[in-house]
N, C-alpha and C. Protein backbone atom coordinates (compact mmCIF):
# COMPACT_ATOMS: atom_id res chain seq x y z
N MET A 1 -16.34 -0.76 3.68
CA MET A 1 -15.28 -0.79 2.43
C MET A 1 -15.99 -1.80 1.47
N SER A 2 -15.83 -1.26 0.20
CA SER A 2 -16.47 -2.17 -0.94
C SER A 2 -15.61 -3.37 -1.12
N VAL A 3 -16.02 -4.34 -1.91
CA VAL A 3 -15.38 -5.62 -2.25
C VAL A 3 -14.18 -5.19 -3.16
N ARG A 4 -14.75 -4.16 -4.14
CA ARG A 4 -13.60 -3.76 -5.29
C ARG A 4 -12.63 -3.00 -4.53
N ARG A 5 -12.69 -2.21 -3.59
CA ARG A 5 -11.80 -1.31 -2.92
C ARG A 5 -10.99 -2.53 -2.09
N SER A 6 -11.56 -3.41 -1.23
CA SER A 6 -10.92 -4.33 -0.62
C SER A 6 -9.70 -4.96 -1.56
N LEU A 7 -10.54 -5.47 -2.67
CA LEU A 7 -9.59 -6.31 -3.76
C LEU A 7 -8.26 -5.43 -4.31
N ASN A 8 -8.70 -4.04 -4.43
CA ASN A 8 -7.52 -3.26 -4.98
C ASN A 8 -6.29 -3.07 -3.89
N LEU A 9 -6.86 -2.93 -2.72
CA LEU A 9 -5.91 -2.79 -1.49
C LEU A 9 -5.19 -4.06 -1.47
N ALA A 10 -5.95 -5.36 -1.55
CA ALA A 10 -4.94 -6.53 -1.12
C ALA A 10 -4.05 -6.86 -2.46
N PHE A 11 -4.54 -6.33 -3.68
CA PHE A 11 -3.61 -6.38 -5.01
C PHE A 11 -2.39 -5.73 -4.69
N ALA A 12 -2.67 -4.41 -4.62
CA ALA A 12 -1.50 -3.32 -4.46
C ALA A 12 -0.47 -3.87 -3.03
N THR A 13 -1.09 -4.39 -2.00
CA THR A 13 -0.35 -5.10 -1.21
C THR A 13 0.50 -6.00 -1.45
N SER A 14 -0.11 -6.96 -2.17
CA SER A 14 0.60 -8.25 -2.58
C SER A 14 1.83 -7.86 -3.72
N ILE A 15 1.40 -7.03 -4.43
CA ILE A 15 2.65 -6.28 -5.47
C ILE A 15 3.50 -5.89 -4.72
N THR A 16 3.49 -4.86 -3.95
CA THR A 16 4.34 -4.23 -3.06
C THR A 16 5.29 -5.04 -2.35
N CYS A 17 4.70 -6.19 -1.75
CA CYS A 17 5.24 -7.10 -0.86
C CYS A 17 6.10 -8.22 -1.55
N SER A 18 5.67 -8.26 -2.83
CA SER A 18 6.32 -9.25 -3.59
C SER A 18 7.54 -8.56 -4.52
N ILE A 19 7.84 -7.44 -4.36
CA ILE A 19 9.10 -7.00 -4.80
C ILE A 19 10.32 -7.12 -4.36
N ALA A 20 11.30 -7.76 -5.03
CA ALA A 20 12.28 -8.20 -4.40
C ALA A 20 13.29 -7.05 -4.03
N LEU A 21 13.65 -7.23 -2.62
CA LEU A 21 14.61 -6.20 -2.17
C LEU A 21 15.95 -6.57 -2.11
N SER A 22 16.69 -6.70 -3.10
CA SER A 22 18.23 -7.10 -3.14
C SER A 22 19.05 -5.86 -2.96
N VAL A 23 19.57 -5.77 -1.78
CA VAL A 23 20.14 -4.35 -1.52
C VAL A 23 21.52 -4.86 -1.07
N ALA A 24 22.57 -4.28 -1.60
CA ALA A 24 24.10 -4.54 -1.42
C ALA A 24 24.19 -3.97 0.11
N ASP A 25 25.40 -3.54 0.63
CA ASP A 25 25.76 -2.94 1.76
C ASP A 25 24.85 -1.64 2.16
N GLY A 26 24.57 -1.59 3.42
CA GLY A 26 24.16 -0.26 3.72
C GLY A 26 22.56 -0.46 4.34
N ALA A 27 21.82 0.72 4.18
CA ALA A 27 20.69 0.56 4.76
C ALA A 27 19.51 -0.27 3.94
N GLU A 28 18.52 -0.82 4.61
CA GLU A 28 17.63 -1.51 3.84
C GLU A 28 16.44 -0.70 3.47
N LEU A 29 15.77 -0.77 2.55
CA LEU A 29 14.52 -0.23 2.24
C LEU A 29 13.48 -0.56 3.18
N PRO A 30 12.94 0.44 3.81
CA PRO A 30 11.91 0.25 4.77
C PRO A 30 10.72 -0.18 4.18
N VAL A 31 9.70 -0.85 4.95
CA VAL A 31 8.37 -1.11 4.28
C VAL A 31 7.41 -0.24 4.93
N LEU A 32 7.14 0.61 4.14
CA LEU A 32 5.99 1.82 4.46
C LEU A 32 4.72 1.31 4.37
N ASP A 33 3.82 1.98 5.21
CA ASP A 33 2.44 1.52 5.48
C ASP A 33 1.70 2.21 4.15
N THR A 34 0.76 1.31 3.45
CA THR A 34 -0.08 1.99 2.44
C THR A 34 -1.39 2.96 3.03
N ASN A 35 -1.27 3.07 4.24
CA ASN A 35 -2.43 3.92 4.99
C ASN A 35 -2.27 5.18 4.51
N TYR A 36 -0.98 5.47 3.94
CA TYR A 36 -0.82 7.08 3.63
C TYR A 36 -1.89 7.26 2.40
N CYS A 37 -2.13 6.51 1.58
CA CYS A 37 -2.95 6.84 0.58
C CYS A 37 -4.65 6.98 1.05
N VAL A 38 -4.91 5.99 1.79
CA VAL A 38 -6.21 5.91 2.44
C VAL A 38 -6.38 7.13 3.08
N ARG A 39 -5.20 7.66 3.88
CA ARG A 39 -5.33 8.96 4.92
C ARG A 39 -5.78 10.20 3.97
N ILE A 40 -4.92 10.41 2.90
CA ILE A 40 -5.00 11.68 2.31
C ILE A 40 -6.19 11.66 1.48
N ASN A 41 -6.87 10.66 1.24
CA ASN A 41 -8.21 10.70 0.42
C ASN A 41 -9.27 10.59 1.16
N SER A 42 -9.24 10.21 2.43
CA SER A 42 -10.32 9.95 3.52
C SER A 42 -11.40 11.16 3.49
N LYS A 43 -11.08 12.29 3.12
CA LYS A 43 -12.22 13.32 3.09
C LYS A 43 -12.88 13.43 1.99
N LEU A 44 -12.49 13.01 0.86
CA LEU A 44 -13.48 13.02 -0.30
C LEU A 44 -14.72 12.30 -0.02
N LEU A 45 -15.77 12.98 -0.50
CA LEU A 45 -16.97 12.59 0.00
C LEU A 45 -17.82 11.51 -1.08
N ASP A 46 -17.34 11.60 -2.42
CA ASP A 46 -17.96 10.78 -3.25
C ASP A 46 -17.18 9.52 -3.11
N PRO A 47 -17.70 8.52 -2.95
CA PRO A 47 -16.96 6.94 -2.65
C PRO A 47 -16.04 6.45 -3.88
N ASN A 48 -16.89 6.77 -5.21
CA ASN A 48 -16.22 6.36 -6.31
C ASN A 48 -14.99 7.17 -6.47
N GLU A 49 -14.97 8.39 -6.31
CA GLU A 49 -13.87 9.34 -6.45
C GLU A 49 -12.97 8.99 -5.30
N LYS A 50 -13.12 8.49 -4.09
CA LYS A 50 -12.41 8.04 -3.05
C LYS A 50 -11.52 7.04 -3.64
N ALA A 51 -11.99 6.14 -3.96
CA ALA A 51 -11.57 4.72 -4.33
C ALA A 51 -10.61 5.04 -5.56
N LEU A 52 -11.20 5.93 -6.38
CA LEU A 52 -10.30 6.33 -7.89
C LEU A 52 -9.01 6.86 -7.28
N GLU A 53 -9.00 7.98 -6.52
CA GLU A 53 -7.66 8.92 -5.97
C GLU A 53 -7.01 7.88 -5.16
N THR A 54 -7.33 7.05 -4.50
CA THR A 54 -6.88 5.97 -3.50
C THR A 54 -6.11 4.92 -4.56
N ASP A 55 -6.41 4.50 -5.48
CA ASP A 55 -6.06 3.71 -6.42
C ASP A 55 -4.70 4.29 -7.11
N LYS A 56 -5.14 5.53 -7.46
CA LYS A 56 -3.83 6.57 -8.35
C LYS A 56 -2.96 6.32 -7.46
N CYS A 57 -3.18 6.76 -6.10
CA CYS A 57 -1.93 7.03 -5.13
C CYS A 57 -1.05 5.77 -4.87
N LEU A 58 -1.87 4.57 -4.76
CA LEU A 58 -1.27 3.23 -4.52
C LEU A 58 -0.44 2.78 -5.66
N ALA A 59 -0.78 3.34 -6.93
CA ALA A 59 -0.02 2.88 -8.09
C ALA A 59 1.26 3.91 -8.17
N GLU A 60 1.11 5.08 -7.73
CA GLU A 60 2.22 6.01 -7.64
C GLU A 60 3.15 5.74 -6.60
N GLU A 61 2.68 5.24 -5.52
CA GLU A 61 3.67 4.77 -4.37
C GLU A 61 4.59 3.33 -4.96
N LEU A 62 3.89 2.45 -5.65
CA LEU A 62 4.11 1.06 -6.16
C LEU A 62 5.45 1.64 -6.98
N THR A 63 5.30 2.58 -7.98
CA THR A 63 6.11 3.35 -8.99
C THR A 63 7.49 3.44 -8.36
N VAL A 64 7.06 4.69 -7.19
CA VAL A 64 8.03 5.28 -6.58
C VAL A 64 8.97 4.20 -5.86
N LYS A 65 8.53 3.11 -5.22
CA LYS A 65 9.13 2.09 -4.52
C LYS A 65 10.11 1.37 -5.37
N LYS A 66 9.39 1.37 -6.59
CA LYS A 66 10.43 0.64 -7.75
C LYS A 66 11.63 1.24 -8.06
N GLN A 67 11.39 2.57 -8.02
CA GLN A 67 12.35 3.63 -8.36
C GLN A 67 13.39 3.65 -7.35
N LEU A 68 13.04 3.34 -6.06
CA LEU A 68 13.83 3.62 -5.13
C LEU A 68 14.64 2.19 -4.97
N ILE A 69 14.17 1.18 -5.28
CA ILE A 69 14.91 -0.17 -5.39
C ILE A 69 15.85 -0.07 -6.24
N GLU A 70 15.76 0.58 -7.43
CA GLU A 70 16.74 0.52 -8.68
C GLU A 70 17.96 1.34 -8.19
N HIS A 71 17.90 2.42 -7.27
CA HIS A 71 19.14 3.13 -6.91
C HIS A 71 19.29 3.01 -5.52
N TRP A 72 18.99 2.05 -4.81
CA TRP A 72 19.06 2.01 -3.39
C TRP A 72 20.66 1.88 -3.18
N SER A 73 21.29 1.42 -3.79
CA SER A 73 22.94 1.49 -3.26
C SER A 73 23.50 2.78 -2.95
N LEU A 74 22.85 3.72 -3.40
CA LEU A 74 23.19 5.12 -3.11
C LEU A 74 22.84 5.55 -1.97
N VAL A 75 21.99 4.65 -1.03
CA VAL A 75 21.34 5.27 0.18
C VAL A 75 22.33 4.86 1.25
N SER A 76 22.59 5.76 2.10
CA SER A 76 23.47 5.51 3.32
C SER A 76 22.47 5.08 4.60
N ASP A 77 22.85 4.72 5.51
CA ASP A 77 22.33 4.43 6.67
C ASP A 77 21.76 5.96 7.33
N ASP A 78 22.71 6.90 7.35
CA ASP A 78 22.36 8.19 7.76
C ASP A 78 21.47 9.01 7.01
N MET A 79 21.36 8.86 5.65
CA MET A 79 20.35 9.57 4.84
C MET A 79 19.03 8.89 5.15
N LEU A 80 18.94 7.68 5.11
CA LEU A 80 17.77 6.80 5.47
C LEU A 80 16.99 7.35 6.81
N THR A 81 17.94 7.32 7.86
CA THR A 81 17.57 7.97 9.06
C THR A 81 16.95 9.29 9.16
N LYS A 82 17.71 10.46 8.45
CA LYS A 82 17.23 11.44 8.46
C LYS A 82 15.89 11.57 7.54
N CYS A 83 16.13 11.00 6.44
CA CYS A 83 14.69 11.05 5.51
C CYS A 83 13.35 10.29 6.03
N LEU A 84 13.72 9.49 6.94
CA LEU A 84 12.38 8.79 7.52
C LEU A 84 11.64 9.55 8.41
N LYS A 85 12.30 10.46 8.73
CA LYS A 85 11.58 11.61 10.02
C LYS A 85 10.60 12.32 9.02
N TYR A 86 11.11 12.58 7.78
CA TYR A 86 10.05 13.39 7.00
C TYR A 86 9.11 12.51 5.90
N SER A 87 9.33 11.35 5.84
CA SER A 87 8.42 10.34 4.97
C SER A 87 7.14 10.48 5.06
N GLN A 88 6.54 10.78 6.26
CA GLN A 88 4.97 10.61 6.55
C GLN A 88 4.56 9.26 6.02
N GLY A 89 5.31 8.27 6.11
CA GLY A 89 4.80 6.82 5.63
C GLY A 89 4.54 6.82 4.21
N ALA A 90 5.24 7.67 3.29
CA ALA A 90 5.01 7.28 2.12
C ALA A 90 6.20 7.50 1.25
N TYR A 91 6.53 6.55 0.30
CA TYR A 91 7.48 6.46 -0.51
C TYR A 91 7.81 7.79 -1.44
N LEU A 92 6.81 8.53 -1.67
CA LEU A 92 7.01 9.70 -2.54
C LEU A 92 7.62 10.81 -1.68
N TYR A 93 7.37 10.67 -0.49
CA TYR A 93 8.11 11.77 0.35
C TYR A 93 9.49 11.44 0.57
N LEU A 94 9.97 10.02 0.90
CA LEU A 94 11.15 9.54 1.04
C LEU A 94 12.08 9.68 -0.07
N ARG A 95 11.56 9.36 -1.55
CA ARG A 95 12.20 9.67 -2.45
C ARG A 95 12.73 11.13 -2.56
N ARG A 96 11.66 11.86 -2.29
CA ARG A 96 12.18 13.39 -2.59
C ARG A 96 13.25 13.61 -1.64
N CYS A 97 13.20 13.40 -0.38
CA CYS A 97 14.36 13.75 0.64
C CYS A 97 15.80 12.96 0.18
N LEU A 98 15.55 11.75 -0.14
CA LEU A 98 16.68 10.87 -0.61
C LEU A 98 17.38 11.48 -1.67
N ALA A 99 16.50 11.90 -2.80
CA ALA A 99 16.95 12.51 -3.89
C ALA A 99 17.91 13.71 -3.45
N GLN A 100 17.34 14.66 -2.57
CA GLN A 100 18.10 16.09 -2.07
C GLN A 100 19.24 15.45 -1.31
N GLU A 101 19.42 14.34 -0.65
CA GLU A 101 20.61 13.87 0.05
C GLU A 101 21.65 13.34 -0.64
N VAL A 102 21.10 12.57 -1.84
CA VAL A 102 22.18 12.04 -2.78
C VAL A 102 22.73 13.26 -3.63
N GLY A 103 21.93 14.28 -4.14
CA GLY A 103 22.53 15.26 -4.76
C GLY A 103 23.42 16.06 -4.00
N ARG A 104 22.97 16.25 -2.49
CA ARG A 104 23.91 16.96 -1.58
C ARG A 104 25.47 16.04 -1.62
N GLN A 105 25.33 14.86 -1.44
CA GLN A 105 26.45 14.15 -1.50
C GLN A 105 27.55 14.33 -2.65
N CYS A 106 26.72 14.30 -3.88
CA CYS A 106 27.40 14.35 -5.24
C CYS A 106 28.23 15.85 -5.19
N PHE A 107 27.33 16.79 -4.69
CA PHE A 107 28.10 18.17 -4.86
C PHE A 107 29.20 18.24 -4.02
N LYS A 108 29.28 17.52 -2.78
CA LYS A 108 30.39 17.67 -1.86
C LYS A 108 31.57 16.22 -2.33
N ASP A 109 31.17 15.85 -3.39
CA ASP A 109 32.31 14.89 -3.96
C ASP A 109 32.27 13.58 -2.88
N ASP A 110 31.37 13.55 -1.99
CA ASP A 110 31.28 12.17 -1.15
C ASP A 110 30.87 11.05 -1.78
N LEU A 111 30.22 11.41 -2.99
CA LEU A 111 29.57 10.28 -3.63
C LEU A 111 29.78 10.70 -5.15
N THR A 112 30.28 9.48 -5.82
CA THR A 112 30.52 9.63 -7.30
C THR A 112 29.20 9.51 -8.32
N CYS A 113 28.90 10.42 -8.94
CA CYS A 113 27.53 10.56 -9.64
C CYS A 113 28.02 10.52 -11.21
N LYS A 114 27.54 9.92 -12.02
CA LYS A 114 27.51 9.89 -13.30
C LYS A 114 26.10 10.15 -14.04
C-alpha cells in the first residue's frame, strides 16, 4: 500500500470518527467499516485508478454518513435492524434502505413527514 493511499485512508477514517453523533431517542448510527470501498475497487489493475476510485468512494461514504446524521431522528430501532441486513457494510446502502423505510412509514401515517 502506498504512503499516499495510507494517508488518505487514515484521513478519511479520522474524519469519519470525528463526526459527532448526537442522537435523540432510538437507534444509534452504526459505525460501518471503510473496507467496503477497498473491496469494490480491489479488482482494478491500475494502482492510480484504484486509489482514485477508492478515495472517491470514501468521500461519498462520508457525505452519506453526514446526511444520515442530519436525519437520524427519523430512524427507529426496527428500521435499523432491518436495513443493517442489506447495508453490505456501506452507508450508501444503509441510506437507501432507510429512505425506503421512512417513506413507507410516512405513507402509513406512522411518521409525520414535512
